[in-house]
Each structure stands twice: as structure tokens, then as C-alpha cells.
């Protein structure tokens, strides 16, 4: 079952997502938005504590490292 967890992220930059490179600018801001990263890691940590198996997808290496680091800090490295 899919559970959608809305976040407060809202892109307020000047990049046009339909222009070349525009969506990359939006994603860079998304990765940099620490409140969203915390929400994702809070949700994953809570689900793991309930015995759930989690899959978190990202296309960005920096985002992966950020999420993995935050989960590692919580002792969730496996």
C-alpha cells in the first residue's frame, strides 16, 4: 500500500522547470531543504521501528548521501 506523506517544500526559485537544466535547479533546492530530509528520515525510522521494510528512491548522489548519513546517525545503517 502506498502512503503519501506531503511535505512543506515549495520551489520558490526562478528556474523554469521546462527549460533545459531547469528541473535540475528545482531538485537541487529540494535536496537542500533540510526539513524535508528530516521528515523523510523520521518517517523511515518510525517505519523501521515497526518492522517495516523501506525503499527510498532518489536520482541524486548528494541526496542519497544526505539521507543515508541521517539514517546512519539514527543507527539505521542496514
N, C-alpha and C. Protein backbone atom coordinates (compact mmCIF):
# COMPACT_ATOMS: atom_id res chain seq x y z
N UNK A 1 0.84 -1.18 0.00
CA UNK A 1 0.00 0.00 0.00
C UNK A 1 0.89 1.24 0.00
N UNK A 2 0.55 2.21 -0.78
CA UNK A 2 1.29 3.45 -0.88
C UNK A 2 0.75 4.45 0.14
N UNK A 3 1.66 5.04 0.90
CA UNK A 3 1.28 6.09 1.84
C UNK A 3 1.98 7.37 1.40
N UNK A 4 1.23 8.37 1.04
CA UNK A 4 1.80 9.64 0.62
C UNK A 4 1.98 10.52 1.85
N UNK A 5 3.17 11.09 1.97
CA UNK A 5 3.48 11.96 3.09
C UNK A 5 3.81 13.35 2.53
N UNK A 6 2.83 14.24 2.46
CA UNK A 6 3.09 15.58 1.92
C UNK A 6 4.16 16.30 2.75
N UNK A 7 4.92 17.15 2.08
CA UNK A 7 5.93 17.96 2.76
C UNK A 7 5.60 19.43 2.53
N UNK A 8 6.34 20.27 3.21
CA UNK A 8 6.12 21.71 3.05
C UNK A 8 7.01 22.32 1.98
N UNK A 9 7.78 21.48 1.28
CA UNK A 9 8.67 22.02 0.26
C UNK A 9 7.86 22.67 -0.84
N UNK A 10 8.28 23.86 -1.20
CA UNK A 10 7.67 24.58 -2.31
C UNK A 10 8.79 25.33 -3.01
N UNK A 11 8.96 25.06 -4.28
CA UNK A 11 10.03 25.72 -5.02
C UNK A 11 9.68 27.18 -5.23
N UNK A 12 10.57 28.06 -4.78
CA UNK A 12 10.32 29.49 -4.95
C UNK A 12 11.46 30.18 -5.71
N UNK A 13 12.21 29.36 -6.44
CA UNK A 13 13.31 29.91 -7.23
C UNK A 13 12.82 30.45 -8.56
N UNK A 14 13.77 30.78 -9.41
CA UNK A 14 13.44 31.42 -10.68
C UNK A 14 13.63 30.51 -11.89
N UNK A 15 14.05 29.28 -11.64
CA UNK A 15 14.28 28.37 -12.77
C UNK A 15 12.96 27.93 -13.39
N UNK A 16 12.96 27.80 -14.68
CA UNK A 16 11.80 27.29 -15.41
C UNK A 16 12.00 25.78 -15.57
N UNK A 17 11.19 24.98 -14.89
CA UNK A 17 11.37 23.52 -14.95
C UNK A 17 11.29 22.94 -16.35
N UNK A 18 10.64 23.63 -17.26
CA UNK A 18 10.52 23.12 -18.63
C UNK A 18 11.71 23.51 -19.51
N UNK A 19 12.55 24.41 -19.02
CA UNK A 19 13.73 24.83 -19.78
C UNK A 19 14.88 23.85 -19.52
N UNK A 20 15.82 23.75 -20.44
CA UNK A 20 16.97 22.87 -20.22
C UNK A 20 17.68 23.21 -18.90
N UNK A 21 17.87 22.20 -18.08
CA UNK A 21 18.53 22.38 -16.79
C UNK A 21 17.64 22.93 -15.70
N UNK A 22 16.43 23.31 -16.05
CA UNK A 22 15.53 23.92 -15.08
C UNK A 22 15.11 22.97 -13.97
N UNK A 23 14.76 21.74 -14.34
CA UNK A 23 14.30 20.80 -13.32
C UNK A 23 15.44 20.44 -12.38
N UNK A 24 16.68 20.47 -12.88
CA UNK A 24 17.84 20.20 -12.03
C UNK A 24 17.95 21.25 -10.93
N UNK A 25 17.64 22.49 -11.24
CA UNK A 25 17.67 23.55 -10.23
C UNK A 25 16.62 23.30 -9.16
N UNK A 26 15.45 22.86 -9.58
CA UNK A 26 14.39 22.55 -8.62
C UNK A 26 14.84 21.41 -7.71
N UNK A 27 15.40 20.36 -8.29
CA UNK A 27 15.86 19.22 -7.49
C UNK A 27 16.99 19.61 -6.54
N UNK A 28 17.88 20.49 -6.96
CA UNK A 28 18.95 20.94 -6.06
C UNK A 28 18.36 21.61 -4.83
N UNK A 29 17.34 22.43 -5.03
CA UNK A 29 16.69 23.08 -3.89
C UNK A 29 15.97 22.05 -3.02
N UNK A 30 15.37 21.07 -3.65
CA UNK A 30 14.68 20.01 -2.90
C UNK A 30 15.67 19.25 -2.01
N UNK A 31 16.81 18.89 -2.57
CA UNK A 31 17.84 18.18 -1.81
C UNK A 31 18.34 19.04 -0.65
N UNK A 32 18.45 20.34 -0.86
CA UNK A 32 18.98 21.24 0.16
C UNK A 32 17.96 21.55 1.26
N UNK A 33 16.71 21.21 1.06
CA UNK A 33 15.65 21.55 2.02
C UNK A 33 15.70 20.57 3.20
N UNK A 34 16.36 20.99 4.27
CA UNK A 34 16.63 20.11 5.40
C UNK A 34 15.37 19.62 6.12
N UNK A 35 14.34 20.42 6.18
CA UNK A 35 13.11 20.00 6.85
C UNK A 35 12.50 18.78 6.17
N UNK A 36 12.60 18.74 4.85
CA UNK A 36 12.06 17.59 4.11
C UNK A 36 12.91 16.35 4.36
N UNK A 37 14.23 16.51 4.35
CA UNK A 37 15.11 15.39 4.64
C UNK A 37 14.83 14.83 6.02
N UNK A 38 14.63 15.71 6.99
CA UNK A 38 14.31 15.26 8.35
C UNK A 38 12.98 14.52 8.36
N UNK A 39 12.00 15.01 7.65
CA UNK A 39 10.70 14.34 7.60
C UNK A 39 10.84 12.94 7.01
N UNK A 40 11.59 12.83 5.92
CA UNK A 40 11.78 11.52 5.29
C UNK A 40 12.47 10.56 6.26
N UNK A 41 13.55 11.02 6.90
CA UNK A 41 14.26 10.14 7.81
C UNK A 41 13.44 9.83 9.05
N UNK A 42 12.63 10.77 9.52
CA UNK A 42 11.71 10.48 10.64
C UNK A 42 10.73 9.38 10.24
N UNK A 43 10.13 9.51 9.05
CA UNK A 43 9.15 8.53 8.58
C UNK A 43 9.78 7.15 8.41
N UNK A 44 10.97 7.10 7.82
CA UNK A 44 11.64 5.82 7.61
C UNK A 44 12.03 5.19 8.94
N UNK A 45 12.57 5.98 9.85
CA UNK A 45 12.96 5.47 11.17
C UNK A 45 11.75 4.89 11.90
N UNK A 46 10.65 5.61 11.86
CA UNK A 46 9.43 5.13 12.54
C UNK A 46 8.93 3.84 11.91
N UNK A 47 8.97 3.75 10.60
CA UNK A 47 8.51 2.54 9.91
C UNK A 47 9.43 1.36 10.22
N UNK A 48 10.73 1.59 10.25
CA UNK A 48 11.67 0.52 10.57
C UNK A 48 11.45 0.01 11.99
N UNK A 49 11.15 0.91 12.90
CA UNK A 49 10.89 0.51 14.29
C UNK A 49 9.63 -0.36 14.39
N UNK A 50 8.73 -0.22 13.43
CA UNK A 50 7.52 -1.06 13.40
C UNK A 50 7.76 -2.34 12.61
N UNK A 51 9.01 -2.60 12.21
CA UNK A 51 9.33 -3.82 11.49
C UNK A 51 9.07 -3.76 10.00
N UNK A 52 8.86 -2.58 9.47
CA UNK A 52 8.59 -2.42 8.05
C UNK A 52 9.89 -2.45 7.25
N UNK A 53 9.78 -2.75 5.98
CA UNK A 53 10.89 -2.67 5.04
C UNK A 53 10.65 -1.42 4.20
N UNK A 54 11.68 -0.61 4.05
CA UNK A 54 11.52 0.68 3.38
C UNK A 54 12.40 0.78 2.14
N UNK A 55 11.88 1.44 1.15
CA UNK A 55 12.62 1.75 -0.07
C UNK A 55 12.50 3.25 -0.30
N UNK A 56 13.62 3.92 -0.30
CA UNK A 56 13.66 5.35 -0.55
C UNK A 56 14.43 5.56 -1.84
N UNK A 57 13.82 6.20 -2.80
CA UNK A 57 14.42 6.38 -4.12
C UNK A 57 14.86 7.83 -4.33
N UNK A 58 15.99 7.99 -4.97
CA UNK A 58 16.47 9.30 -5.38
C UNK A 58 17.41 9.12 -6.56
N UNK A 59 17.48 10.12 -7.41
CA UNK A 59 18.38 10.08 -8.56
C UNK A 59 19.68 10.82 -8.27
N UNK A 60 19.75 11.50 -7.16
CA UNK A 60 20.86 12.39 -6.87
C UNK A 60 21.79 11.76 -5.83
N UNK A 61 23.07 11.65 -6.17
CA UNK A 61 24.06 11.07 -5.26
C UNK A 61 24.13 11.89 -3.97
N UNK A 62 24.13 13.20 -4.08
CA UNK A 62 24.19 14.05 -2.88
C UNK A 62 22.99 13.80 -1.97
N UNK A 63 21.84 13.59 -2.57
CA UNK A 63 20.63 13.32 -1.81
C UNK A 63 20.74 11.96 -1.12
N UNK A 64 21.22 10.98 -1.85
CA UNK A 64 21.44 9.65 -1.28
C UNK A 64 22.38 9.72 -0.09
N UNK A 65 23.49 10.42 -0.24
CA UNK A 65 24.45 10.54 0.85
C UNK A 65 23.85 11.26 2.04
N UNK A 66 23.06 12.27 1.79
CA UNK A 66 22.40 13.02 2.86
C UNK A 66 21.41 12.14 3.63
N UNK A 67 20.57 11.41 2.89
CA UNK A 67 19.59 10.53 3.54
C UNK A 67 20.28 9.39 4.28
N UNK A 68 21.26 8.78 3.65
CA UNK A 68 21.98 7.67 4.28
C UNK A 68 22.70 8.14 5.54
N UNK A 69 23.32 9.30 5.48
CA UNK A 69 24.00 9.85 6.65
C UNK A 69 23.04 10.12 7.79
N UNK A 70 21.89 10.69 7.48
CA UNK A 70 20.90 10.98 8.51
C UNK A 70 20.37 9.69 9.14
N UNK A 71 20.17 8.67 8.33
CA UNK A 71 19.70 7.39 8.87
C UNK A 71 20.80 6.69 9.67
N UNK A 72 22.03 6.80 9.21
CA UNK A 72 23.16 6.23 9.94
C UNK A 72 23.29 6.84 11.32
N UNK A 73 23.08 8.16 11.40
CA UNK A 73 23.14 8.87 12.70
C UNK A 73 22.11 8.32 13.67
N UNK A 74 21.04 7.75 13.15
CA UNK A 74 19.98 7.18 13.99
C UNK A 74 20.18 5.68 14.20
N UNK A 75 21.33 5.18 13.75
CA UNK A 75 21.62 3.77 13.93
C UNK A 75 20.92 2.86 12.93
N UNK A 76 20.45 3.43 11.84
CA UNK A 76 19.74 2.67 10.80
C UNK A 76 20.64 2.56 9.57
N UNK A 77 21.61 1.68 9.65
CA UNK A 77 22.56 1.56 8.54
C UNK A 77 22.49 0.21 7.86
N UNK A 78 21.45 -0.54 8.08
CA UNK A 78 21.29 -1.85 7.43
C UNK A 78 19.88 -2.00 6.92
